[in-house]
Amino acid sequence: MANKKNIKTFNQHLEERYGKIGSDKRTEFEIKAKAFAIGEIIREERKQANMTQEQLPEK
């Protein structure tokens, strides 16, 4: 069983790996994470519309 003292928040994990909010490394991570999330939303919407990647920019 995990010790409750070792439980960390998501923000604590991000701080350990990428630094505090506002640091260059953390900002770079956040930009890439948001770009990935937006890309996934676009991909899912495109698939629901039965469109290919080539058809999307034409629309």
Protein backbone atom coordinates (compact mmCIF):
# COMPACT_ATOMS: atom_id res chain seq x y z
CA MET A 1 0.00 0.00 0.00
CA ALA A 2 1.33 3.43 -0.94
CA ASN A 3 2.34 5.75 1.84
CA LYS A 4 0.14 8.88 1.85
CA LYS A 5 3.20 11.03 2.53
CA ASN A 6 4.50 10.16 -0.93
CA ILE A 7 1.37 11.27 -2.77
CA LYS A 8 2.03 14.34 -4.93
CA THR A 9 -0.22 16.65 -6.86
CA PHE A 10 0.02 16.87 -10.63
CA ASN A 11 1.51 20.35 -10.27
CA GLN A 12 4.21 18.98 -7.94
CA HIS A 13 5.15 16.39 -10.55
CA LEU A 14 5.35 19.09 -13.22
CA GLU A 15 7.49 21.31 -10.97
CA GLU A 16 9.92 18.48 -10.31
CA ARG A 17 10.25 17.60 -13.97
CA TYR A 18 9.91 20.99 -15.72
CA GLY A 19 10.38 23.61 -13.02
CA LYS A 20 8.09 26.23 -11.57
CA ILE A 21 5.46 28.07 -13.59
CA GLY A 22 7.15 30.78 -15.60
CA SER A 23 10.46 28.97 -16.04
CA ASP A 24 11.65 28.49 -19.63
CA LYS A 25 11.47 24.69 -19.41
CA ARG A 26 7.96 24.74 -17.91
CA THR A 27 6.69 27.24 -20.49
CA GLU A 28 8.10 25.13 -23.33
CA PHE A 29 6.37 22.05 -21.90
CA GLU A 30 3.05 23.87 -21.54
CA ILE A 31 3.19 25.17 -25.12
CA LYS A 32 3.89 21.68 -26.47
CA ALA A 33 1.18 20.12 -24.29
CA LYS A 34 -1.43 22.63 -25.45
CA ALA A 35 -0.42 22.20 -29.11
CA PHE A 36 -0.78 18.43 -28.75
CA ALA A 37 -4.22 18.77 -27.14
CA ILE A 38 -5.44 21.13 -29.88
CA GLY A 39 -4.13 18.74 -32.54
CA GLU A 40 -6.02 15.85 -30.95
CA ILE A 41 -9.25 17.86 -30.88
CA ILE A 42 -8.85 18.76 -34.55
CA ARG A 43 -8.06 15.14 -35.46
CA GLU A 44 -11.13 13.81 -33.64
CA GLU A 45 -13.42 16.41 -35.20
CA ARG A 46 -12.00 15.70 -38.66
CA LYS A 47 -12.59 11.97 -38.21
CA GLN A 48 -16.16 12.56 -37.02
CA ALA A 49 -16.75 14.59 -40.17
CA ASN A 50 -15.30 11.71 -42.27
CA MET A 51 -12.66 14.02 -43.72
CA THR A 52 -9.11 13.22 -44.75
CA GLN A 53 -6.19 15.43 -43.77
CA GLU A 54 -6.09 16.66 -47.37
CA GLN A 55 -9.78 17.65 -47.31
CA LEU A 56 -9.54 19.63 -44.09
CA PRO A 57 -7.59 22.67 -45.38
CA GLU A 58 -9.77 22.81 -48.49
CA LYS A 59 -12.88 23.19 -46.33
